[in-house]
Amino acid sequence: MRRAKSTSNTTQDLEEAQSIALMALAFLAEDASRLSRFLALTGIGPEELRAGADTPQTLAAVLDHMMGDESLLLVFSASKAVPAESVAPARALLAKAAGA
């Protein structure tokens, strides 16, 4: 019989997901063309990004963007030592936290 995850594990998982997404956002922000492309494709404006950079909705959008471009995801993964396979589960947790 499987045991339900405890609240502390769920919180820790969400914190890890937020950390991955914030690293991805920082990665995008390191390069003006990467950030511009993200803003153009998502429709998020610079002010909206600044105001909501730590919200689950924005962080999920960042990871959606990363997952939509495999080469970008792989460069991010290699440069930040984040396993590429950890991005999809992190995105799912953030989407759940956002109510999506």
PDB file of N, CA and C in Angstrom:
ATOM      1  N   MET A   1       0.839  -1.177   0.000  1.00  0.00           N
ATOM      2  CA  MET A   1       0.000   0.000   0.000  1.00  0.00           C
ATOM      3  C   MET A   1       0.883   1.239   0.000  1.00  0.00           C
ATOM      4  N   ARG A   2       0.592   2.173  -0.895  1.00  0.00           N
ATOM      5  CA  ARG A   2       1.374   3.411  -0.973  1.00  0.00           C
ATOM      6  C   ARG A   2       0.923   4.372   0.106  1.00  0.00           C
ATOM      7  N   ARG A   3       1.890   5.025   0.679  1.00  0.00           N
ATOM      8  CA  ARG A   3       1.581   6.048   1.677  1.00  0.00           C
ATOM      9  C   ARG A   3       1.511   7.394   0.985  1.00  0.00           C
ATOM     10  N   ALA A   4       0.615   8.213   1.450  1.00  0.00           N
ATOM     11  CA  ALA A   4       0.515   9.567   0.915  1.00  0.00           C
ATOM     12  C   ALA A   4       1.746  10.352   1.326  1.00  0.00           C
ATOM     13  N   LYS A   5       2.160  11.258   0.451  1.00  0.00           N
ATOM     14  CA  LYS A   5       3.287  12.123   0.795  1.00  0.00           C
ATOM     15  C   LYS A   5       2.896  13.026   1.940  1.00  0.00           C
ATOM     16  N   SER A   6       3.834  13.251   2.803  1.00  0.00           N
ATOM     17  CA  SER A   6       3.556  14.168   3.901  1.00  0.00           C
ATOM     18  C   SER A   6       3.569  15.597   3.393  1.00  0.00           C
ATOM     19  N   THR A   7       2.970  16.474   4.160  1.00  0.00           N
ATOM     20  CA  THR A   7       2.926  17.884   3.783  1.00  0.00           C
ATOM     21  C   THR A   7       4.325  18.448   3.640  1.00  0.00           C
ATOM     22  N   SER A   8       5.241  18.045   4.528  1.00  0.00           N
ATOM     23  CA  SER A   8       6.599  18.589   4.460  1.00  0.00           C
ATOM     24  C   SER A   8       7.293  18.164   3.170  1.00  0.00           C
ATOM     25  N   ASN A   9       7.059  16.912   2.716  1.00  0.00           N
ATOM     26  CA  ASN A   9       7.653  16.476   1.450  1.00  0.00           C
ATOM     27  C   ASN A   9       7.054  17.242   0.278  1.00  0.00           C
ATOM     28  N   THR A  10       5.746  17.467   0.322  1.00  0.00           N
ATOM     29  CA  THR A  10       5.087  18.213  -0.740  1.00  0.00           C
ATOM     30  C   THR A  10       5.616  19.637  -0.787  1.00  0.00           C
ATOM     31  N   THR A  11       5.764  20.258   0.381  1.00  0.00           N
ATOM     32  CA  THR A  11       6.306  21.615   0.455  1.00  0.00           C
ATOM     33  C   THR A  11       7.725  21.646  -0.082  1.00  0.00           C
ATOM     34  N   GLN A  12       8.515  20.657   0.308  1.00  0.00           N
ATOM     35  CA  GLN A  12       9.894  20.595  -0.163  1.00  0.00           C
ATOM     36  C   GLN A  12       9.917  20.426  -1.684  1.00  0.00           C
ATOM     37  N   ASP A  13       9.057  19.570  -2.223  1.00  0.00           N
ATOM     38  CA  ASP A  13       9.007  19.380  -3.669  1.00  0.00           C
ATOM     39  C   ASP A  13       8.629  20.673  -4.379  1.00  0.00           C
ATOM     40  N   LEU A  14       7.654  21.393  -3.828  1.00  0.00           N
ATOM     41  CA  LEU A  14       7.250  22.665  -4.426  1.00  0.00           C
ATOM     42  C   LEU A  14       8.389  23.671  -4.354  1.00  0.00           C
ATOM     43  N   GLU A  15       9.096  23.693  -3.249  1.00  0.00           N
ATOM     44  CA  GLU A  15      10.243  24.597  -3.121  1.00  0.00           C
ATOM     45  C   GLU A  15      11.323  24.246  -4.138  1.00  0.00           C
ATOM     46  N   GLU A  16      11.550  22.957  -4.368  1.00  0.00           N
ATOM     47  CA  GLU A  16      12.523  22.532  -5.373  1.00  0.00           C
ATOM     48  C   GLU A  16      12.068  22.947  -6.768  1.00  0.00           C
ATOM     49  N   ALA A  17      10.771  22.798  -7.036  1.00  0.00           N
ATOM     50  CA  ALA A  17      10.219  23.207  -8.334  1.00  0.00           C
ATOM     51  C   ALA A  17      10.390  24.707  -8.531  1.00  0.00           C
ATOM     52  N   GLN A  18      10.113  25.478  -7.488  1.00  0.00           N
ATOM     53  CA  GLN A  18      10.291  26.928  -7.571  1.00  0.00           C
ATOM     54  C   GLN A  18      11.750  27.275  -7.810  1.00  0.00           C
ATOM     55  N   SER A  19      12.639  26.570  -7.156  1.00  0.00           N
ATOM     56  CA  SER A  19      14.070  26.816  -7.330  1.00  0.00           C
ATOM     57  C   SER A  19      14.512  26.538  -8.770  1.00  0.00           C
ATOM     58  N   ILE A  20      14.048  25.435  -9.333  1.00  0.00           N
ATOM     59  CA  ILE A  20      14.384  25.102 -10.723  1.00  0.00           C
ATOM     60  C   ILE A  20      13.862  26.186 -11.658  1.00  0.00           C
ATOM     61  N   ALA A  21      12.613  26.606 -11.437  1.00  0.00           N
ATOM     62  CA  ALA A  21      12.016  27.621 -12.311  1.00  0.00           C
ATOM     63  C   ALA A  21      12.707  28.970 -12.172  1.00  0.00           C
ATOM     64  N   LEU A  22      13.094  29.329 -10.968  1.00  0.00           N
ATOM     65  CA  LEU A  22      13.813  30.596 -10.779  1.00  0.00           C
ATOM     66  C   LEU A  22      15.189  30.542 -11.438  1.00  0.00           C
ATOM     67  N   MET A  23      15.842  29.378 -11.386  1.00  0.00           N
ATOM     68  CA  MET A  23      17.119  29.229 -12.098  1.00  0.00           C
ATOM     69  C   MET A  23      16.900  29.357 -13.600  1.00  0.00           C
ATOM     70  N   ALA A  24      15.794  28.799 -14.091  1.00  0.00           N
ATOM     71  CA  ALA A  24      15.484  28.895 -15.518  1.00  0.00           C
ATOM     72  C   ALA A  24      15.199  30.349 -15.909  1.00  0.00           C
ATOM     73  N   LEU A  25      14.484  31.061 -15.050  1.00  0.00           N
ATOM     74  CA  LEU A  25      14.212  32.472 -15.325  1.00  0.00           C
ATOM     75  C   LEU A  25      15.510  33.282 -15.342  1.00  0.00           C
ATOM     76  N   ALA A  26      16.375  33.021 -14.388  1.00  0.00           N
ATOM     77  CA  ALA A  26      17.673  33.705 -14.362  1.00  0.00           C
ATOM     78  C   ALA A  26      18.480  33.371 -15.613  1.00  0.00           C
ATOM     79  N   PHE A  27      18.413  32.124 -16.039  1.00  0.00           N
ATOM     80  CA  PHE A  27      19.100  31.702 -17.260  1.00  0.00           C
ATOM     81  C   PHE A  27      18.580  32.486 -18.462  1.00  0.00           C
ATOM     82  N   LEU A  28      17.263  32.639 -18.562  1.00  0.00           N
ATOM     83  CA  LEU A  28      16.688  33.421 -19.660  1.00  0.00           C
ATOM     84  C   LEU A  28      17.138  34.878 -19.575  1.00  0.00           C
ATOM     85  N   ALA A  29      17.164  35.417 -18.361  1.00  0.00           N
ATOM     86  CA  ALA A  29      17.503  36.829 -18.172  1.00  0.00           C
ATOM     87  C   ALA A  29      18.977  37.120 -18.439  1.00  0.00           C
ATOM     88  N   GLU A  30      19.817  36.102 -18.405  1.00  0.00           N
ATOM     89  CA  GLU A  30      21.249  36.288 -18.668  1.00  0.00           C
ATOM     90  C   GLU A  30      21.522  36.688 -20.112  1.00  0.00           C
ATOM     91  N   ASP A  31      20.578  36.449 -20.996  1.00  0.00           N
ATOM     92  CA  ASP A  31      20.772  36.715 -22.417  1.00  0.00           C
ATOM     93  C   ASP A  31      19.551  37.464 -22.936  1.00  0.00           C
ATOM     94  N   ALA A  32      19.766  38.660 -23.433  1.00  0.00           N
ATOM     95  CA  ALA A  32      18.659  39.511 -23.872  1.00  0.00           C
ATOM     96  C   ALA A  32      17.802  38.851 -24.945  1.00  0.00           C
ATOM     97  N   SER A  33      18.415  38.124 -25.863  1.00  0.00           N
ATOM     98  CA  SER A  33      17.630  37.496 -26.932  1.00  0.00           C
ATOM     99  C   SER A  33      16.775  36.354 -26.393  1.00  0.00           C
ATOM    100  N   ARG A  34      17.311  35.596 -25.438  1.00  0.00           N
ATOM    101  CA  ARG A  34      16.503  34.523 -24.830  1.00  0.00           C
ATOM    102  C   ARG A  34      15.315  35.113 -24.085  1.00  0.00           C
ATOM    103  N   LEU A  35      15.566  36.182 -23.317  1.00  0.00           N
ATOM    104  CA  LEU A  35      14.490  36.796 -22.547  1.00  0.00           C
ATOM    105  C   LEU A  35      13.455  37.431 -23.471  1.00  0.00           C
ATOM    106  N   SER A  36      13.913  38.104 -24.501  1.00  0.00           N
ATOM    107  CA  SER A  36      12.994  38.729 -25.457  1.00  0.00           C
ATOM    108  C   SER A  36      12.110  37.693 -26.126  1.00  0.00           C
ATOM    109  N   ARG A  37      12.686  36.577 -26.485  1.00  0.00           N
ATOM    110  CA  ARG A  37      11.911  35.503 -27.121  1.00  0.00           C
ATOM    111  C   ARG A  37      10.870  34.962 -26.149  1.00  0.00           C
ATOM    112  N   PHE A  38      11.250  34.761 -24.903  1.00  0.00           N
ATOM    113  CA  PHE A  38      10.302  34.290 -23.888  1.00  0.00           C
ATOM    114  C   PHE A  38       9.139  35.271 -23.748  1.00  0.00           C
ATOM    115  N   LEU A  39       9.448  36.539 -23.635  1.00  0.00           N
ATOM    116  CA  LEU A  39       8.400  37.548 -23.476  1.00  0.00           C
ATOM    117  C   LEU A  39       7.489  37.581 -24.703  1.00  0.00           C
ATOM    118  N   ALA A  40       8.066  37.510 -25.878  1.00  0.00           N
ATOM    119  CA  ALA A  40       7.272  37.561 -27.110  1.00  0.00           C
ATOM    120  C   ALA A  40       6.367  36.343 -27.248  1.00  0.00           C
ATOM    121  N   LEU A  41       6.882  35.174 -26.948  1.00  0.00           N
ATOM    122  CA  LEU A  41       6.096  33.950 -27.127  1.00  0.00           C
ATOM    123  C   LEU A  41       5.029  33.765 -26.055  1.00  0.00           C
ATOM    124  N   THR A  42       5.284  34.254 -24.862  1.00  0.00           N
ATOM    125  CA  THR A  42       4.323  34.061 -23.773  1.00  0.00           C
ATOM    126  C   THR A  42       3.324  35.205 -23.662  1.00  0.00           C
ATOM    127  N   GLY A  43       3.690  36.352 -24.199  1.00  0.00           N
ATOM    128  CA  GLY A  43       2.814  37.516 -24.058  1.00  0.00           C
ATOM    129  C   GLY A  43       2.942  38.204 -22.712  1.00  0.00           C
ATOM    130  N   ILE A  44       3.879  37.745 -21.912  1.00  0.00           N
ATOM    131  CA  ILE A  44       4.132  38.377 -20.619  1.00  0.00           C
ATOM    132  C   ILE A  44       4.976  39.624 -20.866  1.00  0.00           C
ATOM    133  N   GLY A  45       4.573  40.739 -20.298  1.00  0.00           N
ATOM    134  CA  GLY A  45       5.339  41.970 -20.437  1.00  0.00           C
ATOM    135  C   GLY A  45       6.406  42.077 -19.364  1.00  0.00           C
ATOM    136  N   PRO A  46       7.401  42.924 -19.578  1.00  0.00           N
ATOM    137  CA  PRO A  46       8.477  43.082 -18.596  1.00  0.00           C
ATOM    138  C   PRO A  46       7.970  43.453 -17.195  1.00  0.00           C
ATOM    139  N   GLU A  47       7.003  44.358 -17.123  1.00  0.00           N
ATOM    140  CA  GLU A  47       6.469  44.761 -15.812  1.00  0.00           C
ATOM    141  C   GLU A  47       5.744  43.607 -15.141  1.00  0.00           C
ATOM    142  N   GLU A  48       4.970  42.885 -15.931  1.00  0.00           N
ATOM    143  CA  GLU A  48       4.243  41.724 -15.404  1.00  0.00           C
ATOM    144  C   GLU A  48       5.229  40.664 -14.909  1.00  0.00           C
ATOM    145  N   LEU A  49       6.314  40.483 -15.645  1.00  0.00           N
ATOM    146  CA  LEU A  49       7.331  39.516 -15.244  1.00  0.00           C
ATOM    147  C   LEU A  49       7.971  39.934 -13.922  1.00  0.00           C
ATOM    148  N   ARG A  50       8.332  41.207 -13.807  1.00  0.00           N
ATOM    149  CA  ARG A  50       8.931  41.691 -12.557  1.00  0.00           C
ATOM    150  C   ARG A  50       7.974  41.502 -11.384  1.00  0.00           C
ATOM    151  N   ALA A  51       6.720  41.850 -11.594  1.00  0.00           N
ATOM    152  CA  ALA A  51       5.735  41.787 -10.509  1.00  0.00           C
ATOM    153  C   ALA A  51       5.393  40.356 -10.107  1.00  0.00           C
ATOM    154  N   GLY A  52       5.425  39.440 -11.064  1.00  0.00           N
ATOM    155  CA  GLY A  52       4.985  38.084 -10.768  1.00  0.00           C
ATOM    156  C   GLY A  52       6.042  37.021 -10.923  1.00  0.00           C
ATOM    157  N   ALA A  53       7.294  37.413 -10.863  1.00  0.00           N
ATOM    158  CA  ALA A  53       8.380  36.467 -11.113  1.00  0.00           C
ATOM    159  C   ALA A  53       8.398  35.284 -10.157  1.00  0.00           C
ATOM    160  N   ASP A  54       7.826  35.442  -8.992  1.00  0.00           N
ATOM    161  CA  ASP A  54       7.859  34.348  -8.026  1.00  0.00           C
ATOM    162  C   ASP A  54       6.510  33.643  -7.874  1.00  0.00           C
ATOM    163  N   THR A  55       5.559  33.941  -8.765  1.00  0.00           N
ATOM    164  CA  THR A  55       4.251  33.286  -8.675  1.00  0.00           C
ATOM    165  C   THR A  55       4.282  31.943  -9.390  1.00  0.00           C
ATOM    166  N   PRO A  56       3.493  30.991  -8.926  1.00  0.00           N
ATOM    167  CA  PRO A  56       3.463  29.689  -9.599  1.00  0.00           C
ATOM    168  C   PRO A  56       3.075  29.791 -11.073  1.00  0.00           C
ATOM    169  N   GLN A  57       2.169  30.712 -11.417  1.00  0.00           N
ATOM    170  CA  GLN A  57       1.756  30.866 -12.811  1.00  0.00           C
ATOM    171  C   GLN A  57       2.930  31.265 -13.696  1.00  0.00           C
ATOM    172  N   THR A  58       3.680  32.261 -13.264  1.00  0.00           N
ATOM    173  CA  THR A  58       4.817  32.737 -14.052  1.00  0.00           C
ATOM    174  C   THR A  58       5.910  31.682 -14.113  1.00  0.00           C
ATOM    175  N   LEU A  59       6.185  31.056 -12.984  1.00  0.00           N
ATOM    176  CA  LEU A  59       7.236  30.042 -12.959  1.00  0.00           C
ATOM    177  C   LEU A  59       6.870  28.845 -13.829  1.00  0.00           C
ATOM    178  N   ALA A  60       5.597  28.466 -13.838  1.00  0.00           N
ATOM    179  CA  ALA A  60       5.155  27.377 -14.721  1.00  0.00           C
ATOM    180  C   ALA A  60       5.317  27.794 -16.185  1.00  0.00           C
ATOM    181  N   ALA A  61       5.024  29.063 -16.494  1.00  0.00           N
ATOM    182  CA  ALA A  61       5.194  29.556 -17.863  1.00  0.00           C
ATOM    183  C   ALA A  61       6.659  29.504 -18.287  1.00  0.00           C
ATOM    184  N   VAL A  62       7.549  29.819 -17.365  1.00  0.00           N
ATOM    185  CA  VAL A  62       8.985  29.748 -17.665  1.00  0.00           C
ATOM    186  C   VAL A  62       9.367  28.314 -18.024  1.00  0.00           C
ATOM    187  N   LEU A  63       8.906  27.360 -17.229  1.00  0.00           N
ATOM    188  CA  LEU A  63       9.262  25.972 -17.502  1.00  0.00           C
ATOM    189  C   LEU A  63       8.561  25.447 -18.751  1.00  0.00           C
ATOM    190  N   ASP A  64       7.346  25.900 -19.018  1.00  0.00           N
ATOM    191  CA  ASP A  64       6.676  25.556 -20.281  1.00  0.00           C
ATOM    192  C   ASP A  64       7.538  26.000 -21.451  1.00  0.00           C
ATOM    193  N   HIS A  65       8.024  27.213 -21.357  1.00  0.00           N
ATOM    194  CA  HIS A  65       8.866  27.766 -22.420  1.00  0.00           C
ATOM    195  C   HIS A  65      10.126  26.923 -22.602  1.00  0.00           C
ATOM    196  N   MET A  66      10.751  26.568 -21.517  1.00  0.00           N
ATOM    197  CA  MET A  66      11.970  25.759 -21.594  1.00  0.00           C
ATOM    198  C   MET A  66      11.679  24.403 -22.232  1.00  0.00           C
ATOM    199  N   MET A  67      10.560  23.799 -21.849  1.00  0.00           N
ATOM    200  CA  MET A  67      10.212  22.477 -22.371  1.00  0.00           C
ATOM    201  C   MET A  67       9.832  22.532 -23.854  1.00  0.00           C
ATOM    202  N   GLY A  68       9.434  23.687 -24.326  1.00  0.00           N
ATOM    203  CA  GLY A  68       9.053  23.836 -25.720  1.00  0.00           C
ATOM    204  C   GLY A  68      10.221  23.994 -26.679  1.00  0.00           C
ATOM    205  N   ASP A  69      11.417  24.114 -26.132  1.00  0.00           N
ATOM    206  CA  ASP A  69      12.617  24.291 -26.964  1.00  0.00           C
ATOM    207  C   ASP A  69      13.704  23.376 -26.400  1.00  0.00           C
ATOM    208  N   GLU A  70      13.814  22.192 -26.988  1.00  0.00           N
ATOM    209  CA  GLU A  70      14.725  21.183 -26.451  1.00  0.00           C
ATOM    210  C   GLU A  70      16.167  21.671 -26.370  1.00  0.00           C
ATOM    211  N   SER A  71      16.628  22.386 -27.375  1.00  0.00           N
ATOM    212  CA  SER A  71      18.024  22.847 -27.344  1.00  0.00           C
ATOM    213  C   SER A  71      18.224  23.855 -26.207  1.00  0.00           C
ATOM    214  N   LEU A  72      17.259  24.734 -26.003  1.00  0.00           N
ATOM    215  CA  LEU A  72      17.337  25.688 -24.893  1.00  0.00           C
ATOM    216  C   LEU A  72      17.330  24.944 -23.557  1.00  0.00           C
ATOM    217  N   LEU A  73      16.463  23.950 -23.440  1.00  0.00           N
ATOM    218  CA  LEU A  73      16.387  23.146 -22.221  1.00  0.00           C
ATOM    219  C   LEU A  73      17.716  22.457 -21.940  1.00  0.00           C
ATOM    220  N   LEU A  74      18.329  21.904 -22.966  1.00  0.00           N
ATOM    221  CA  LEU A  74      19.589  21.187 -22.775  1.00  0.00           C
ATOM    222  C   LEU A  74      20.728  22.129 -22.407  1.00  0.00           C
ATOM    223  N   VAL A  75      20.751  23.315 -22.995  1.00  0.00           N
ATOM    224  CA  VAL A  75      21.779  24.301 -22.624  1.00  0.00           C
ATOM    225  C   VAL A  75      21.564  24.733 -21.172  1.00  0.00           C
ATOM    226  N   PHE A  76      20.331  25.007 -20.801  1.00  0.00           N
ATOM    227  CA  PHE A  76      20.015  25.358 -19.416  1.00  0.00           C
ATOM    228  C   PHE A  76      20.450  24.247 -18.477  1.00  0.00           C
ATOM    229  N   SER A  77      20.062  23.036 -18.801  1.00  0.00           N
ATOM    230  CA  SER A  77      20.381  21.887 -17.957  1.00  0.00           C
ATOM    231  C   SER A  77      21.887  21.739 -17.744  1.00  0.00           C
ATOM    232  N   ALA A  78      22.628  21.851 -18.810  1.00  0.00           N
ATOM    233  CA  ALA A  78      24.082  21.707 -18.719  1.00  0.00           C
ATOM    234  C   ALA A  78      24.725  22.869 -17.970  1.00  0.00           C
ATOM    235  N   SER A  79      24.261  24.078 -18.230  1.00  0.00           N
ATOM    236  CA  SER A  79      24.917  25.241 -17.630  1.00  0.00           C
ATOM    237  C   SER A  79      24.576  25.426 -16.158  1.00  0.00           C
ATOM    238  N   LYS A  80      23.416  24.937 -15.742  1.00  0.00           N
ATOM    239  CA  LYS A  80      22.994  25.122 -14.346  1.00  0.00           C
ATOM    240  C   LYS A  80      23.008  23.827 -13.544  1.00  0.00           C
ATOM    241  N   ALA A  81      23.484  22.749 -14.158  1.00  0.00           N
ATOM    242  CA  ALA A  81      23.548  21.436 -13.506  1.00  0.00           C
ATOM    243  C   ALA A  81      22.184  21.009 -12.963  1.00  0.00           C
ATOM    244  N   VAL A  82      21.165  21.224 -13.786  1.00  0.00           N
ATOM    245  CA  VAL A  82      19.804  20.814 -13.450  1.00  0.00           C
ATOM    246  C   VAL A  82      19.437  19.686 -14.406  1.00  0.00           C
ATOM    247  N   PRO A  83      19.118  18.518 -13.889  1.00  0.00           N
ATOM    248  CA  PRO A  83      18.747  17.433 -14.800  1.00  0.00           C
ATOM    249  C   PRO A  83      17.546  17.823 -15.663  1.00  0.00           C
ATOM    250  N   ALA A  84      17.661  17.649 -16.961  1.00  0.00           N
ATOM    251  CA  ALA A  84      16.580  18.025 -17.873  1.00  0.00           C
ATOM    252  C   ALA A  84      15.279  17.319 -17.520  1.00  0.00           C
ATOM    253  N   GLU A  85      15.390  16.097 -17.030  1.00  0.00           N
ATOM    254  CA  GLU A  85      14.185  15.336 -16.692  1.00  0.00           C
ATOM    255  C   GLU A  85      13.490  15.844 -15.436  1.00  0.00           C
ATOM    256  N   SER A  86      14.090  16.762 -14.719  1.00  0.00           N
ATOM    257  CA  SER A  86      13.449  17.326 -13.525  1.00  0.00           C
ATOM    258  C   SER A  86      12.535  18.508 -13.863  1.00  0.00           C
ATOM    259  N   VAL A  87      12.615  19.015 -15.092  1.00  0.00           N
ATOM    260  CA  VAL A  87      11.856  20.206 -15.464  1.00  0.00           C
ATOM    261  C   VAL A  87      10.360  19.915 -15.589  1.00  0.00           C
ATOM    262  N   ALA A  88       9.983  18.833 -16.239  1.00  0.00           N
ATOM    263  CA  ALA A  88       8.559  18.523 -16.416  1.00  0.00           C
ATOM    264  C   ALA A  88       7.843  18.288 -15.079  1.00  0.00           C
ATOM    265  N   PRO A  89       8.418  17.500 -14.164  1.00  0.00           N
ATOM    266  CA  PRO A  89       7.745  17.341 -12.870  1.00  0.00           C
ATOM    267  C   PRO A  89       7.655  18.663 -12.088  1.00  0.00           C
ATOM    268  N   ALA A  90       8.678  19.494 -12.206  1.00  0.00           N
ATOM    269  CA  ALA A  90       8.652  20.804 -11.532  1.00  0.00           C
ATOM    270  C   ALA A  90       7.541  21.664 -12.123  1.00  0.00           C
ATOM    271  N   ARG A  91       7.396  21.638 -13.436  1.00  0.00           N
ATOM    272  CA  ARG A  91       6.343  22.400 -14.104  1.00  0.00           C
ATOM    273  C   ARG A  91       4.972  21.913 -13.649  1.00  0.00           C
ATOM    274  N   ALA A  92       4.804  20.599 -13.526  1.00  0.00           N
ATOM    275  CA  ALA A  92       3.522  20.036 -13.094  1.00  0.00           C
ATOM    276  C   ALA A  92       3.166  20.488 -11.680  1.00  0.00           C
ATOM    277  N   LEU A  93       4.134  20.489 -10.786  1.00  0.00           N
ATOM    278  CA  LEU A  93       3.892  20.952  -9.419  1.00  0.00           C
ATOM    279  C   LEU A  93       3.508  22.417  -9.382  1.00  0.00           C
ATOM    280  N   LEU A  94       4.185  23.229 -10.165  1.00  0.00           N
ATOM    281  CA  LEU A  94       3.880  24.662 -10.198  1.00  0.00           C
ATOM    282  C   LEU A  94       2.496  24.910 -10.813  1.00  0.00           C
ATOM    283  N   ALA A  95       2.158  24.166 -11.849  1.00  0.00           N
ATOM    284  CA  ALA A  95       0.836  24.311 -12.461  1.00  0.00           C
ATOM    285  C   ALA A  95      -0.255  23.936 -11.450  1.00  0.00           C
ATOM    286  N   LYS A  96      -0.008  22.888 -10.699  1.00  0.00           N
ATOM    287  CA  LYS A  96      -0.972  22.467  -9.666  1.00  0.00           C
ATOM    288  C   LYS A  96      -1.111  23.559  -8.600  1.00  0.00           C
ATOM    289  N   ALA A  97       0.019  24.124  -8.192  1.00  0.00           N
ATOM    290  CA  ALA A  97      -0.010  25.190  -7.186  1.00  0.00           C
ATOM    291  C   ALA A  97      -0.714  26.430  -7.714  1.00  0.00           C
ATOM    292  N   ALA A  98      -0.652  26.626  -9.033  1.00  0.00           N
ATOM    293  CA  ALA A  98      -1.302  27.783  -9.657  1.00  0.00           C
ATOM    294  C   ALA A  98      -2.787  27.530  -9.896  1.00  0.00           C
ATOM    295  N   GLY A  99      -3.204  26.295  -9.679  1.00  0.00           N
ATOM    296  CA  GLY A  99      -4.605  25.958  -9.885  1.00  0.00           C
ATOM    297  C   GLY A  99      -4.934  25.568 -11.308  1.00  0.00           C
ATOM    298  N   ALA A 100      -3.907  25.287 -12.095  1.00  0.00           N
ATOM    299  CA  ALA A 100      -4.137  24.916 -13.502  1.00  0.00           C
ATOM    300  C   ALA A 100      -4.355  23.422 -13.632  1.00  0.00           C
TER     301      ALA A 100
END
